[in-house]
């Protein structure tokens, strides 16, 4: 694994493979680079592929007092692109990874990018009377404050309950019967250093990228699950309608990670999109 040192001294770890036009995979909250490796390997024949562990993620020790704010992640991404002198980059972001690429675009623009792939994410997580396209359609400021309190009390269980208590009935049933999948997730989450992740979540839920979408002058591939735990189809349609050059794919029988339910389809769609935008 390679690494760069961020401006605040934080070590940013990443894997790099392949040659060709660059693709950077950005993982979701509490996840890591390894979640993208099967997809990165599939693209490495024709692309230089980078999968990172965002600061506060991947099990890497974090400097005392260092930030895990999404703004710092975007700065790390800019530094990574600059370090390798990359141009015409395709950014692929799932969940928090999509928020990271929106923060990057807000702070640094699109001049280094040729396109983005956004996987099942809303540009604003917290709902209110004017905005229902966030988590569950009704996850307001008070609900988030209560959730953050539960995260600090029992990080693993609070996160699993967030997954279970949304739109996806299967997730609800599997959580309450304590399926093997939820057991494995619980065991993994209990190994994580939770406080940087909680602080990261606070920054994610404070962000609002709705104003970034109309400013994007690069193509966007949008992949959403029709049974996402967190987002109704109206979210996908909102993102599509507010990015001028976008194509939306709704994957059937898929939750918040549609790329896992239709792996070959996702690879095909991403390869096709990458060929289009990297010409």
Protein backbone atom coordinates (compact mmCIF):
# COMPACT_ATOMS: atom_id res chain seq x y z
CA UNK A 1 0.00 0.00 0.00
CA UNK A 2 1.30 3.45 -0.91
CA UNK A 3 0.81 6.58 1.15
CA UNK A 4 1.05 10.34 1.02
CA UNK A 5 1.23 12.74 3.94
CA UNK A 6 -1.63 15.22 4.09
CA UNK A 7 -1.07 18.87 4.93
CA UNK A 8 -1.92 18.23 8.61
CA UNK A 9 0.44 15.24 8.85
CA UNK A 10 -2.20 12.54 8.43
CA UNK A 11 -1.03 9.53 6.41
CA UNK A 12 -3.38 8.73 3.53
CA UNK A 13 -3.05 5.10 2.42
CA UNK A 14 -4.07 3.82 -1.00
CA UNK A 15 -3.63 1.00 -3.49
CA UNK A 16 -2.65 1.77 -7.10
CA UNK A 17 -2.72 -0.66 -10.01
CA UNK A 18 -2.96 -0.75 -13.79
CA UNK A 19 -2.08 1.77 -16.49
CA UNK A 20 -4.15 4.11 -18.58
CA UNK A 21 -6.62 6.89 -17.92
CA UNK A 22 -7.04 7.35 -14.14
CA UNK A 23 -9.98 6.12 -12.05
CA UNK A 24 -10.20 6.83 -8.31
CA UNK A 25 -12.61 4.83 -6.16
CA UNK A 26 -13.98 6.52 -3.02
CA UNK A 27 -15.58 4.24 -0.43
CA UNK A 28 -18.49 4.77 1.92
CA UNK A 29 -18.61 5.73 5.58
CA UNK A 30 -17.02 3.10 7.88
CA UNK A 31 -15.81 1.15 4.81
CA UNK A 32 -12.32 0.96 3.26
CA UNK A 33 -10.33 0.55 0.04
CA UNK A 34 -10.84 -3.21 0.01
CA UNK A 35 -14.56 -2.77 -0.74
CA UNK A 36 -13.65 -1.52 -4.22
CA UNK A 37 -10.85 -3.97 -5.04
CA UNK A 38 -12.91 -6.43 -7.15
CA UNK A 39 -14.09 -3.54 -9.32
CA UNK A 40 -10.70 -1.86 -9.45
CA UNK A 41 -9.13 -5.11 -10.65
CA UNK A 42 -11.71 -5.37 -13.44
CA UNK A 43 -10.77 -1.89 -14.73
CA UNK A 44 -7.00 -2.15 -14.28
CA UNK A 45 -6.37 -3.57 -17.76
CA UNK A 46 -7.18 -0.20 -19.31
CA UNK A 47 -6.94 2.29 -16.43
CA UNK A 48 -4.64 3.45 -13.69
CA UNK A 49 -6.84 2.66 -10.69
CA UNK A 50 -6.53 4.06 -7.17
CA UNK A 51 -8.51 2.91 -4.13
CA UNK A 52 -7.89 4.83 -0.93
CA UNK A 53 -8.65 4.55 2.74
CA UNK A 54 -10.13 7.94 3.57
CA UNK A 55 -8.75 9.56 6.72
CA UNK A 56 -10.28 7.98 9.83
CA UNK A 57 -11.00 4.78 7.88
CA UNK A 58 -9.27 1.52 6.99
CA UNK A 59 -7.94 0.78 10.47
CA UNK A 60 -5.02 3.20 10.19
CA UNK A 61 -3.95 5.02 13.34
CA UNK A 62 -4.88 8.69 13.21
CA UNK A 63 -2.77 11.47 14.69
CA UNK A 64 -4.22 12.81 17.97
CA UNK A 65 -6.42 15.80 17.27
CA UNK A 66 -6.41 15.35 13.49
CA UNK A 67 -9.65 16.00 11.65
CA UNK A 68 -11.89 13.50 9.89
CA UNK A 69 -14.04 16.24 8.32
CA UNK A 70 -15.21 15.77 4.75
CA UNK A 71 -13.51 19.05 3.76
CA UNK A 72 -10.18 17.50 4.76
CA UNK A 73 -11.00 14.38 2.72
CA UNK A 74 -11.57 16.57 -0.33
CA UNK A 75 -8.23 18.29 0.26
CA UNK A 76 -6.58 14.88 0.60
CA UNK A 77 -8.11 13.88 -2.74
CA UNK A 78 -6.81 17.05 -4.38
CA UNK A 79 -3.36 16.33 -2.95
CA UNK A 80 -3.46 12.73 -4.21
CA UNK A 81 -4.40 13.89 -7.72
CA UNK A 82 -1.64 16.49 -7.65
CA UNK A 83 0.94 14.07 -6.23
CA UNK A 84 0.50 11.71 -9.19
CA UNK A 85 0.00 14.57 -11.68
CA UNK A 86 -3.31 13.13 -12.82
CA UNK A 87 -5.60 14.69 -15.42
CA UNK A 88 -8.96 13.60 -16.85
CA UNK A 89 -9.74 11.63 -13.70
CA UNK A 90 -12.91 9.59 -13.33
CA UNK A 91 -14.10 9.66 -9.71
CA UNK A 92 -16.29 6.80 -8.49
CA UNK A 93 -17.99 7.44 -5.16
CA UNK A 94 -20.33 5.21 -3.19
CA UNK A 95 -22.34 6.77 -0.33
CA UNK A 96 -19.83 8.94 1.60
CA UNK A 97 -17.55 8.63 -1.43
CA UNK A 98 -20.13 10.53 -3.50
CA UNK A 99 -20.29 13.23 -0.84
CA UNK A 100 -16.48 13.39 -0.95
CA UNK A 101 -16.43 13.97 -4.69
CA UNK A 102 -19.12 16.66 -4.37
CA UNK A 103 -17.05 18.37 -1.68
CA UNK A 104 -14.01 18.12 -3.97
CA UNK A 105 -15.92 19.71 -6.85
CA UNK A 106 -17.23 22.45 -4.57
CA UNK A 107 -13.71 23.27 -3.34
CA UNK A 108 -11.56 22.58 -6.42
CA UNK A 109 -13.85 22.48 -9.45
CA UNK A 110 -13.93 19.98 -12.31
CA UNK A 111 -10.80 20.95 -14.26
CA UNK A 112 -8.95 17.73 -13.36
CA UNK A 113 -11.97 15.49 -13.92
CA UNK A 114 -13.49 13.87 -16.99
CA UNK A 115 -16.51 12.40 -15.21
CA UNK A 116 -18.00 11.01 -12.02
CA UNK A 117 -19.93 7.92 -11.02
CA UNK A 118 -22.27 8.43 -8.07
CA UNK A 119 -23.61 5.33 -6.31
CA UNK A 120 -26.79 5.64 -4.20
CA UNK A 121 -26.34 8.97 -2.45
CA UNK A 122 -28.27 12.13 -1.72
CA UNK A 123 -26.52 15.51 -1.87
CA UNK A 124 -28.06 16.40 1.50
CA UNK A 125 -28.67 13.85 4.25
CA UNK A 126 -30.74 15.81 6.77
CA UNK A 127 -34.39 16.53 5.97
CA UNK A 128 -36.66 19.42 6.89
CA UNK A 129 -39.99 20.84 5.68
CA UNK A 130 -38.43 21.99 2.41
CA UNK A 131 -36.20 18.95 1.79
CA UNK A 132 -37.47 15.36 1.90
CA UNK A 133 -34.77 13.80 -0.29
CA UNK A 134 -32.46 12.91 2.59
CA UNK A 135 -32.20 9.77 4.71
CA UNK A 136 -35.56 7.94 5.01
CA UNK A 137 -37.30 11.07 3.71
CA UNK A 138 -37.78 12.15 7.34
CA UNK A 139 -34.37 12.09 9.06
CA UNK A 140 -34.34 15.58 10.53
CA UNK A 141 -31.89 17.44 12.78
CA UNK A 142 -33.37 16.00 15.97
CA UNK A 143 -33.26 12.43 14.63
CA UNK A 144 -29.62 12.96 13.68
CA UNK A 145 -28.69 14.32 17.10
CA UNK A 146 -30.28 11.26 18.70
CA UNK A 147 -28.44 8.99 16.27
CA UNK A 148 -25.09 10.63 17.04
CA UNK A 149 -25.73 10.10 20.75
CA UNK A 150 -26.43 6.41 20.09
CA UNK A 151 -23.26 6.15 17.99
CA UNK A 152 -21.16 7.37 20.90
CA UNK A 153 -22.94 4.95 23.24
CA UNK A 154 -22.71 1.86 20.99
CA UNK A 155 -21.33 2.61 17.53
CA UNK A 156 -21.86 -0.80 15.95
CA UNK A 157 -25.45 -1.27 17.10
CA UNK A 158 -26.48 2.29 16.23
CA UNK A 159 -25.16 1.92 12.69
CA UNK A 160 -26.80 -1.47 12.20
CA UNK A 161 -30.11 -0.01 13.37
CA UNK A 162 -29.75 2.83 10.87
CA UNK A 163 -29.38 0.20 8.15
CA UNK A 164 -32.29 -1.85 9.49
CA UNK A 165 -34.89 0.84 10.10
CA UNK A 166 -35.17 2.32 6.61
CA UNK A 167 -37.02 1.45 3.40
CA UNK A 168 -35.64 -2.06 2.94
CA UNK A 169 -37.89 -4.64 4.63
CA UNK A 170 -35.34 -7.42 4.20
CA UNK A 171 -32.76 -5.47 6.20
CA UNK A 172 -35.31 -4.92 8.97
CA UNK A 173 -36.15 -8.63 9.13
CA UNK A 174 -32.51 -9.74 8.94
CA UNK A 175 -31.51 -7.40 11.75
CA UNK A 176 -34.28 -8.60 14.04
CA UNK A 177 -33.48 -12.26 13.42
CA UNK A 178 -29.78 -11.45 13.82
CA UNK A 179 -28.81 -12.96 10.48
CA UNK A 180 -25.24 -14.06 9.85
CA UNK A 181 -24.71 -11.01 7.64
CA UNK A 182 -25.62 -8.65 10.47
CA UNK A 183 -23.47 -10.65 12.88
CA UNK A 184 -20.49 -10.24 10.56
CA UNK A 185 -21.13 -6.53 10.15
CA UNK A 186 -21.39 -6.14 13.93
CA UNK A 187 -18.14 -7.99 14.51
CA UNK A 188 -16.37 -5.79 11.97
CA UNK A 189 -17.82 -2.50 13.25
CA UNK A 190 -16.81 -3.34 16.80
CA UNK A 191 -13.16 -3.39 15.71
CA UNK A 192 -13.23 0.21 14.41
CA UNK A 193 -12.04 3.35 16.17
CA UNK A 194 -15.45 4.95 16.40
CA UNK A 195 -14.78 8.57 17.44
CA UNK A 196 -13.16 9.69 14.15
CA UNK A 197 -16.07 8.07 12.32
CA UNK A 198 -18.62 9.86 14.50
CA UNK A 199 -16.89 13.17 13.87
CA UNK A 200 -16.86 12.37 10.18
CA UNK A 201 -20.60 11.66 10.31
CA UNK A 202 -21.19 15.03 11.96
CA UNK A 203 -19.48 16.73 9.01
CA UNK A 204 -21.40 14.63 6.46
CA UNK A 205 -24.76 15.52 7.96
CA UNK A 206 -23.84 19.20 8.15
CA UNK A 207 -23.08 19.31 4.41
CA UNK A 208 -25.44 20.42 1.66
CA UNK A 209 -24.28 19.82 -1.92
CA UNK A 210 -27.56 20.55 -3.70
CA UNK A 211 -25.99 23.73 -5.07
CA UNK A 212 -23.02 21.80 -6.49
CA UNK A 213 -25.05 19.62 -8.86
CA UNK A 214 -25.99 22.38 -11.37
CA UNK A 215 -22.36 23.54 -11.47
CA UNK A 216 -21.05 20.17 -12.67
CA UNK A 217 -19.96 20.49 -16.31
CA UNK A 218 -18.76 16.90 -16.66
CA UNK A 219 -20.73 13.71 -17.38
CA UNK A 220 -22.18 11.76 -14.46
CA UNK A 221 -23.12 8.08 -14.28
CA UNK A 222 -25.74 7.54 -11.56
CA UNK A 223 -26.29 4.08 -10.07
CA UNK A 224 -29.08 3.66 -7.50
CA UNK A 225 -30.77 0.66 -5.87
CA UNK A 226 -34.53 0.30 -6.08
CA UNK A 227 -34.61 -1.04 -2.50
CA UNK A 228 -32.08 1.30 -0.90
CA UNK A 229 -32.36 1.38 2.88
CA UNK A 230 -31.90 5.15 2.90
CA UNK A 231 -33.17 6.79 -0.28
CA UNK A 232 -36.39 6.75 -2.27
CA UNK A 233 -36.27 6.80 -6.07
CA UNK A 234 -37.10 10.51 -5.94
CA UNK A 235 -33.54 11.10 -4.72
CA UNK A 236 -32.04 9.48 -7.82
CA UNK A 237 -34.37 11.47 -10.04
CA UNK A 238 -33.47 14.72 -8.26
CA UNK A 239 -29.75 14.11 -8.80
CA UNK A 240 -30.35 13.21 -12.47
CA UNK A 241 -32.49 16.28 -13.10
CA UNK A 242 -29.95 18.66 -11.55
CA UNK A 243 -26.81 17.49 -13.39
CA UNK A 244 -26.91 18.58 -17.01
CA UNK A 245 -25.10 15.54 -18.48
CA UNK A 246 -26.21 12.52 -16.48
CA UNK A 247 -27.42 9.00 -17.10
CA UNK A 248 -29.38 7.18 -14.42
CA UNK A 249 -29.48 3.41 -13.90
CA UNK A 250 -31.81 1.96 -11.27
CA UNK A 251 -30.66 -1.54 -10.33
CA UNK A 252 -33.54 -3.81 -9.40
CA UNK A 253 -33.64 -5.83 -6.16
CA UNK A 254 -30.71 -3.78 -4.84
CA UNK A 255 -30.12 -1.96 -1.58
CA UNK A 256 -27.76 0.92 -0.74
CA UNK A 257 -24.91 -1.03 -2.40
CA UNK A 258 -26.34 -1.82 -5.85
CA UNK A 259 -22.85 -2.53 -7.21
CA UNK A 260 -22.69 -5.63 -4.97
CA UNK A 261 -26.04 -7.01 -6.12
CA UNK A 262 -25.23 -6.62 -9.82
CA UNK A 263 -21.44 -6.79 -9.90
CA UNK A 264 -21.00 -7.68 -13.57
CA UNK A 265 -23.61 -5.18 -14.67
CA UNK A 266 -21.94 -2.42 -12.65
CA UNK A 267 -18.52 -3.26 -14.08
CA UNK A 268 -19.96 -3.19 -17.60
CA UNK A 269 -21.75 0.13 -17.04
CA UNK A 270 -18.65 1.67 -15.46
CA UNK A 271 -16.30 0.42 -18.19
CA UNK A 272 -18.66 1.72 -20.89
CA UNK A 273 -18.91 5.11 -19.17
CA UNK A 274 -15.13 5.26 -18.63
CA UNK A 275 -14.50 4.64 -22.33
CA UNK A 276 -16.89 7.43 -23.20
CA UNK A 277 -15.51 10.11 -20.87
CA UNK A 278 -11.80 9.28 -21.12
CA UNK A 279 -11.60 9.65 -24.90
